[in-house]
Amino acid sequence: MVVIIGLEGSANKIGIGIIEDGKVLSNPRRTYITPPGEGFQPRETAKHHRENVLTVLKEALEEADMTPDKIDAVAYTKGPGMGAPLASVAVVARTIAKLWNKPILGVNHCIGHIEMGRLITGAENPTVLYVSGGNTQIIAYAEKKYRIFGETIDIAIGNCLDRFARVIKLSNDPSPGYNIEQAAKEGNKFLPLPYVVKGMDVSFSGILSYLEDRAEKLIASGEYTKEDLCFSLQETIFAMLIETTERAMAHCGSSEVLIVGGVGCNKRLQEMMEVMCSERGAKLYATDMRFCIDNGAMIAQAGWEMYNAGIRTNWEETAITQRYRTDDVIASWRN
């Protein structure tokens, strides 16, 4: 029996989860929400994490009915992410590892999403679409690493959605992307937008600029509603992702797709991917908001895999890094 506690705080969510041999014992989190039209800044987000981390830690231990002596190791998000929030949580992880005299494991945030997705869905060797506020990657495992077959060449898809939500003043509660998804359900008039796929890579910044320049006039003229623009944006950028994911599947000979990351909760994205998978005779795997949105259990699960593979992070290497590529990690637990 191996028990790992995981701490996540790379963006606007502080989460702590406890995993015992594939079972999620607890997974509480708190989200820093800003007013409509505003994003979250590193300093204020880190302050939010510092103010909430001990409460969330207490909740995680109580919910799991766990005491520190039963925990085998402490895992934390080493990167990628926002510097100040990452550092604020890494300090807590290092502190409790020392206090409890436990080994520490620095986890790649993306690997956490993938391993959580594999655990919850049972996907064996999927082509992974990783879509979140800070990352957009098409990934497949090969020869001890999660290889990136395609990615955004500028901003992440979640960042594109968040910034468009600010343009049209949608609420950030519970998240801008969720509110765009709900608004898009009411939209029915499609606005043709730039469709930017370059080989296996995608680009979102031009689409965002196109809408930023025109949204106010289109809505004011009555030609399009906010809901129409949300609908048009989703349909366009999701189609770009389906195309590149299908190409990666063909290259790898894959019959499974796993969607991970916060944007992966989007039902329309899942619907579109399901159509592509069914046409290829493939299977789609996706999770819900408990596990696709940043959480501590995903860091604990990746830490569990690392721990059982004999991996430990040297104390001198427990700093954080804002840039930490998915394919920098040697996934020695995979075969």
Protein backbone atom coordinates (compact mmCIF):
# COMPACT_ATOMS: atom_id res chain seq x y z
CA MET A 1 0.00 0.00 0.00
CA VAL A 2 1.53 3.27 -1.15
CA VAL A 3 -0.02 6.60 -0.13
CA ILE A 4 1.01 9.85 -1.82
CA ILE A 5 -0.15 13.39 -1.07
CA GLY A 6 -0.04 15.84 -3.99
CA LEU A 7 -0.04 19.65 -3.96
CA GLU A 8 -1.05 21.64 -7.07
CA GLY A 9 -0.95 25.41 -7.46
CA SER A 10 0.39 26.26 -10.91
CA ALA A 11 -2.43 28.66 -11.83
CA ASN A 12 -5.56 29.97 -10.09
CA LYS A 13 -6.45 26.76 -8.23
CA ILE A 14 -4.90 25.46 -5.04
CA GLY A 15 -5.60 21.75 -4.66
CA ILE A 16 -4.35 18.96 -2.43
CA GLY A 17 -5.19 15.32 -3.06
CA ILE A 18 -4.32 11.97 -1.52
CA ILE A 19 -4.00 8.77 -3.58
CA GLU A 20 -3.68 5.23 -2.24
CA ASP A 21 -2.83 2.64 -4.92
CA GLY A 22 -5.15 4.05 -7.57
CA LYS A 23 -7.89 5.15 -5.18
CA VAL A 24 -8.65 8.85 -4.70
CA LEU A 25 -9.06 9.34 -0.95
CA SER A 26 -9.51 13.12 -1.03
CA ASN A 27 -9.21 15.99 -3.49
CA PRO A 28 -10.31 19.41 -2.12
CA ARG A 29 -9.41 22.67 -3.89
CA ARG A 30 -10.04 26.41 -3.93
CA THR A 31 -10.25 28.69 -6.97
CA TYR A 32 -9.13 32.31 -7.16
CA ILE A 33 -11.87 34.15 -9.09
CA THR A 34 -11.44 37.69 -10.38
CA PRO A 35 -14.14 40.22 -11.45
CA PRO A 36 -15.51 40.10 -15.04
CA GLY A 37 -13.09 41.55 -17.57
CA GLU A 38 -10.03 40.82 -15.43
CA GLY A 39 -7.51 37.99 -15.50
CA PHE A 40 -5.60 36.63 -12.51
CA GLN A 41 -2.17 38.09 -11.77
CA PRO A 42 0.73 36.06 -10.29
CA ARG A 43 1.12 38.07 -7.07
CA GLU A 44 -2.56 38.05 -6.12
CA THR A 45 -2.93 34.39 -7.11
CA ALA A 46 0.04 33.41 -4.92
CA LYS A 47 -1.49 35.39 -2.04
CA HIS A 48 -4.74 33.44 -2.51
CA HIS A 49 -2.82 30.15 -2.39
CA ARG A 50 -0.92 31.13 0.76
CA GLU A 51 -4.16 32.11 2.48
CA ASN A 52 -5.93 28.85 1.61
CA VAL A 53 -3.27 26.13 1.46
CA LEU A 54 -3.34 25.12 5.14
CA THR A 55 -7.14 24.94 5.14
CA VAL A 56 -7.09 22.75 2.04
CA LEU A 57 -4.31 20.58 3.53
CA LYS A 58 -6.39 20.03 6.68
CA GLU A 59 -9.44 19.17 4.57
CA ALA A 60 -7.45 16.68 2.47
CA LEU A 61 -6.13 14.84 5.53
CA GLU A 62 -9.48 14.81 7.32
CA GLU A 63 -11.45 13.72 4.24
CA ALA A 64 -9.01 10.86 3.64
CA ASP A 65 -8.92 10.00 7.36
CA MET A 66 -5.16 10.16 7.00
CA THR A 67 -2.31 11.05 9.35
CA PRO A 68 1.18 12.06 8.17
CA ASP A 69 2.77 8.84 9.46
CA LYS A 70 0.72 6.83 6.91
CA ILE A 71 1.89 8.94 3.93
CA ASP A 72 4.85 7.59 1.93
CA ALA A 73 5.86 10.72 -0.03
CA VAL A 74 4.96 14.32 -0.80
CA ALA A 75 4.45 15.27 -4.47
CA TYR A 76 4.14 18.84 -5.74
CA THR A 77 3.88 20.65 -9.07
CA LYS A 78 7.40 21.61 -10.13
CA GLY A 79 6.15 23.27 -13.34
CA PRO A 80 5.14 24.52 -15.81
CA GLY A 81 2.97 27.37 -14.59
CA MET A 82 2.97 30.84 -13.07
CA GLY A 83 6.08 31.46 -11.02
CA ALA A 84 4.70 33.03 -7.85
CA PRO A 85 1.80 30.57 -7.35
CA LEU A 86 4.10 27.60 -8.07
CA ALA A 87 6.67 28.85 -5.56
CA SER A 88 4.06 29.49 -2.85
CA VAL A 89 2.89 25.86 -2.97
CA ALA A 90 6.39 24.37 -3.40
CA VAL A 91 7.41 26.02 -0.11
CA VAL A 92 4.55 24.22 1.67
CA ALA A 93 5.43 20.90 0.01
CA ARG A 94 9.08 21.21 1.08
CA THR A 95 8.05 22.21 4.59
CA ILE A 96 5.72 19.25 5.21
CA ALA A 97 8.21 16.85 3.59
CA LYS A 98 10.81 18.00 6.14
CA LEU A 99 8.37 18.08 9.06
CA TRP A 100 7.04 14.60 8.27
CA ASN A 101 10.45 13.26 7.18
CA LYS A 102 9.13 12.06 3.80
CA PRO A 103 10.75 11.91 0.35
CA ILE A 104 9.66 14.61 -2.09
CA LEU A 105 8.66 14.30 -5.75
CA GLY A 106 8.65 17.19 -8.24
CA VAL A 107 5.90 16.48 -10.77
CA ASN A 108 5.42 17.84 -14.28
CA HIS A 109 1.94 19.41 -14.39
CA CYS A 110 1.05 17.90 -17.76
CA ILE A 111 2.20 14.42 -16.72
CA GLY A 112 -0.14 14.79 -13.73
CA HIS A 113 -3.08 15.44 -16.08
CA ILE A 114 -2.19 12.45 -18.26
CA GLU A 115 -1.68 9.97 -15.43
CA MET A 116 -4.91 11.09 -13.75
CA GLY A 117 -6.76 10.66 -17.03
CA ARG A 118 -5.31 7.18 -17.52
CA LEU A 119 -6.24 6.20 -13.97
CA ILE A 120 -9.83 7.48 -14.05
CA THR A 121 -10.75 6.35 -17.57
CA GLY A 122 -8.72 3.17 -17.89
CA ALA A 123 -7.19 4.29 -21.21
CA GLU A 124 -4.14 2.14 -21.94
CA ASN A 125 -2.02 3.90 -24.56
CA PRO A 126 -4.01 6.84 -25.92
CA THR A 127 -3.18 9.77 -28.12
CA VAL A 128 -3.60 12.63 -25.62
CA LEU A 129 -5.12 16.03 -26.32
CA TYR A 130 -3.99 18.29 -23.49
CA VAL A 131 -5.98 21.53 -23.46
CA SER A 132 -5.84 24.03 -20.62
CA GLY A 133 -5.39 27.68 -19.75
CA GLY A 134 -1.63 27.54 -20.24
CA ASN A 135 -1.06 24.55 -22.52
CA THR A 136 -2.26 23.03 -25.79
CA GLN A 137 -0.47 19.85 -26.89
CA ILE A 138 -1.12 16.63 -28.82
CA ILE A 139 0.87 13.91 -27.09
CA ALA A 140 1.61 10.21 -27.47
CA TYR A 141 3.87 7.91 -25.46
CA ALA A 142 6.92 6.39 -27.16
CA GLU A 143 10.21 5.06 -25.80
CA LYS A 144 10.05 6.25 -22.18
CA LYS A 145 8.72 9.72 -22.95
CA TYR A 146 5.45 11.47 -23.67
CA ARG A 147 6.24 12.89 -27.10
CA ILE A 148 4.67 16.14 -28.30
CA PHE A 149 3.37 15.68 -31.85
CA GLY A 150 1.75 19.09 -32.14
CA GLU A 151 1.13 22.16 -30.00
CA THR A 152 0.16 25.82 -30.01
CA ILE A 153 2.79 28.11 -31.46
CA ASP A 154 1.55 31.11 -29.47
CA ILE A 155 -1.16 31.18 -26.78
CA ALA A 156 -2.95 28.21 -25.25
CA ILE A 157 -6.58 27.46 -26.10
CA GLY A 158 -7.73 28.18 -22.55
CA ASN A 159 -5.95 31.52 -22.62
CA CYS A 160 -7.72 32.34 -25.90
CA LEU A 161 -11.12 31.50 -24.38
CA ASP A 162 -10.39 33.39 -21.15
CA ARG A 163 -9.30 36.52 -22.99
CA PHE A 164 -12.32 36.47 -25.29
CA ALA A 165 -14.57 36.13 -22.22
CA ARG A 166 -12.97 39.33 -20.91
CA VAL A 167 -13.68 41.10 -24.24
CA ILE A 168 -17.41 40.38 -23.99
CA LYS A 169 -17.42 40.79 -20.17
CA LEU A 170 -18.48 37.26 -19.23
CA SER A 171 -18.19 36.24 -15.58
CA ASN A 172 -15.10 34.39 -14.32
CA ASP A 173 -17.30 32.35 -11.96
CA PRO A 174 -16.90 29.38 -12.04
CA SER A 175 -14.60 29.90 -15.05
CA PRO A 176 -14.60 31.95 -18.27
CA GLY A 177 -14.39 28.84 -20.44
CA TYR A 178 -17.42 27.28 -18.78
CA ASN A 179 -19.45 30.44 -19.32
CA ILE A 180 -18.41 30.58 -22.99
CA GLU A 181 -19.54 26.96 -23.34
CA GLN A 182 -22.97 27.78 -21.89
CA ALA A 183 -23.35 30.91 -24.04
CA ALA A 184 -22.34 28.97 -27.17
CA LYS A 185 -25.33 26.65 -26.67
CA GLU A 186 -27.59 29.64 -27.38
CA GLY A 187 -25.67 30.75 -30.46
CA ASN A 188 -26.80 29.69 -33.94
CA LYS A 189 -25.30 32.17 -36.41
CA PHE A 190 -21.77 31.21 -37.46
CA LEU A 191 -19.16 33.90 -38.03
CA PRO A 192 -16.34 32.61 -40.31
CA LEU A 193 -13.06 32.99 -38.42
CA PRO A 194 -9.40 32.42 -39.34
CA TYR A 195 -8.60 28.69 -39.24
CA VAL A 196 -4.91 28.34 -38.42
CA VAL A 197 -3.36 24.87 -38.61
CA LYS A 198 0.32 24.75 -39.55
CA GLY A 199 1.35 21.14 -40.05
CA MET A 200 0.73 19.57 -36.65
CA ASP A 201 0.70 22.89 -34.81
CA VAL A 202 -2.10 25.38 -34.19
CA SER A 203 -2.26 29.12 -33.60
CA PHE A 204 -4.94 31.00 -31.63
CA SER A 205 -3.59 34.54 -31.25
CA GLY A 206 -4.74 35.70 -34.71
CA ILE A 207 -8.26 34.38 -34.12
CA LEU A 208 -8.38 36.22 -30.80
CA SER A 209 -7.11 39.47 -32.39
CA TYR A 210 -9.69 39.13 -35.18
CA LEU A 211 -12.50 38.91 -32.60
CA GLU A 212 -11.07 41.58 -30.32
CA ASP A 213 -11.12 44.03 -33.23
CA ARG A 214 -14.67 43.22 -34.33
CA ALA A 215 -16.70 41.86 -31.40
CA GLU A 216 -17.97 45.17 -30.04
CA LYS A 217 -19.14 46.43 -33.47
CA LEU A 218 -20.71 43.09 -34.45
CA ILE A 219 -22.70 42.95 -31.21
CA ALA A 220 -23.65 46.66 -31.25
CA SER A 221 -24.93 46.41 -34.83
CA GLY A 222 -27.15 43.47 -33.92
CA GLU A 223 -25.56 41.39 -36.68
CA TYR A 224 -24.26 38.83 -34.18
CA THR A 225 -24.97 38.19 -30.49
CA LYS A 226 -22.42 37.36 -27.80
CA GLU A 227 -23.76 33.82 -27.95
CA ASP A 228 -23.16 33.65 -31.73
CA LEU A 229 -19.55 34.71 -31.27
CA CYS A 230 -18.96 32.15 -28.49
CA PHE A 231 -20.49 29.47 -30.73
CA SER A 232 -18.32 30.50 -33.70
CA LEU A 233 -15.12 30.60 -31.64
CA GLN A 234 -15.70 27.16 -30.13
CA GLU A 235 -16.58 25.49 -33.43
CA THR A 236 -13.48 26.90 -35.14
CA ILE A 237 -10.80 26.24 -32.55
CA PHE A 238 -12.17 22.82 -31.60
CA ALA A 239 -12.18 21.77 -35.28
CA MET A 240 -8.49 22.71 -35.45
CA LEU A 241 -7.77 20.43 -32.50
CA ILE A 242 -9.78 17.53 -33.91
CA GLU A 243 -7.85 17.75 -37.18
CA THR A 244 -4.42 17.67 -35.56
CA THR A 245 -5.40 14.96 -33.07
CA GLU A 246 -6.66 12.74 -35.89
CA ARG A 247 -3.42 13.22 -37.79
CA ALA A 248 -1.40 12.20 -34.72
CA MET A 249 -3.62 9.12 -34.29
CA ALA A 250 -2.99 8.11 -37.90
CA HIS A 251 0.75 8.55 -37.45
CA CYS A 252 0.83 6.48 -34.24
CA GLY A 253 -1.71 3.87 -35.33
CA SER A 254 -3.69 4.73 -32.22
CA SER A 255 -7.25 3.64 -31.46
CA GLU A 256 -7.70 5.68 -28.26
CA VAL A 257 -8.00 9.41 -27.55
CA LEU A 258 -7.75 10.87 -24.06
CA ILE A 259 -8.72 14.51 -23.47
CA VAL A 260 -7.14 16.11 -20.39
CA GLY A 261 -6.82 19.62 -18.97
CA GLY A 262 -9.42 22.14 -17.91
CA VAL A 263 -10.80 22.80 -21.40
CA GLY A 264 -11.25 19.03 -21.74
CA CYS A 265 -14.42 19.34 -19.63
CA ASN A 266 -16.13 21.10 -22.53
CA LYS A 267 -19.00 18.90 -23.73
CA ARG A 268 -18.95 20.33 -27.25
CA LEU A 269 -15.25 19.48 -27.63
CA GLN A 270 -16.02 15.96 -26.41
CA GLU A 271 -18.93 15.65 -28.87
CA MET A 272 -16.80 16.71 -31.83
CA MET A 273 -13.98 14.37 -30.83
CA GLU A 274 -16.47 11.51 -30.38
CA VAL A 275 -17.66 11.95 -33.99
CA MET A 276 -14.08 11.73 -35.28
CA CYS A 277 -13.29 8.71 -33.09
CA SER A 278 -16.42 6.83 -34.16
CA GLU A 279 -15.56 7.42 -37.81
CA ARG A 280 -12.10 5.91 -37.19
CA GLY A 281 -13.37 3.05 -35.04
CA ALA A 282 -11.51 4.54 -32.08
CA LYS A 283 -12.55 5.12 -28.48
CA LEU A 284 -12.73 8.46 -26.69
CA TYR A 285 -11.84 8.84 -23.02
CA ALA A 286 -12.60 12.00 -21.04
CA THR A 287 -13.12 13.00 -17.42
CA ASP A 288 -15.37 15.46 -15.63
CA MET A 289 -14.66 18.64 -13.70
CA ARG A 290 -13.42 16.77 -10.62
CA PHE A 291 -10.35 15.52 -12.44
CA CYS A 292 -9.80 17.46 -15.69
CA ILE A 293 -9.56 20.83 -13.91
CA ASP A 294 -6.29 21.34 -12.00
CA ASN A 295 -6.37 19.32 -8.77
CA GLY A 296 -4.07 17.83 -6.17
CA ALA A 297 -4.99 14.19 -6.80
CA MET A 298 -3.51 14.30 -10.30
CA ILE A 299 -0.16 15.38 -8.85
CA ALA A 300 -0.46 12.64 -6.24
CA GLN A 301 -1.17 10.04 -8.96
CA ALA A 302 1.85 11.07 -11.05
CA GLY A 303 3.87 11.05 -7.83
CA TRP A 304 2.56 7.55 -7.07
CA GLU A 305 3.80 6.32 -10.46
CA MET A 306 7.19 7.98 -9.93
CA TYR A 307 7.53 6.65 -6.38
CA ASN A 308 6.81 3.07 -7.44
CA ALA A 309 9.33 3.41 -10.28
CA GLY A 310 11.99 4.30 -7.71
CA ILE A 311 12.14 7.99 -8.66
CA ARG A 312 12.91 10.58 -5.97
CA THR A 313 13.65 14.29 -6.34
CA ASN A 314 16.93 15.40 -4.76
CA TRP A 315 16.44 18.17 -2.22
CA GLU A 316 18.73 20.47 -4.23
CA GLU A 317 16.40 20.07 -7.24
CA THR A 318 13.11 20.95 -5.53
CA ALA A 319 12.91 24.46 -6.97
CA ILE A 320 10.11 25.30 -9.40
CA THR A 321 10.39 26.09 -13.10
CA GLN A 322 7.87 27.99 -15.18
CA ARG A 323 9.03 26.17 -18.31
CA TYR A 324 8.99 22.39 -18.00
CA ARG A 325 8.33 20.51 -21.22
CA THR A 326 6.18 17.39 -21.18
CA ASP A 327 8.87 15.58 -23.17
CA ASP A 328 11.58 16.53 -20.66
CA VAL A 329 10.30 13.81 -18.32
CA ILE A 330 11.57 10.23 -18.53
CA ALA A 331 8.41 8.22 -17.86
CA SER A 332 10.20 5.11 -16.62
CA TRP A 333 6.99 3.73 -15.07
CA ARG A 334 5.51 3.15 -18.56
CA ASN A 335 6.33 0.09 -20.65
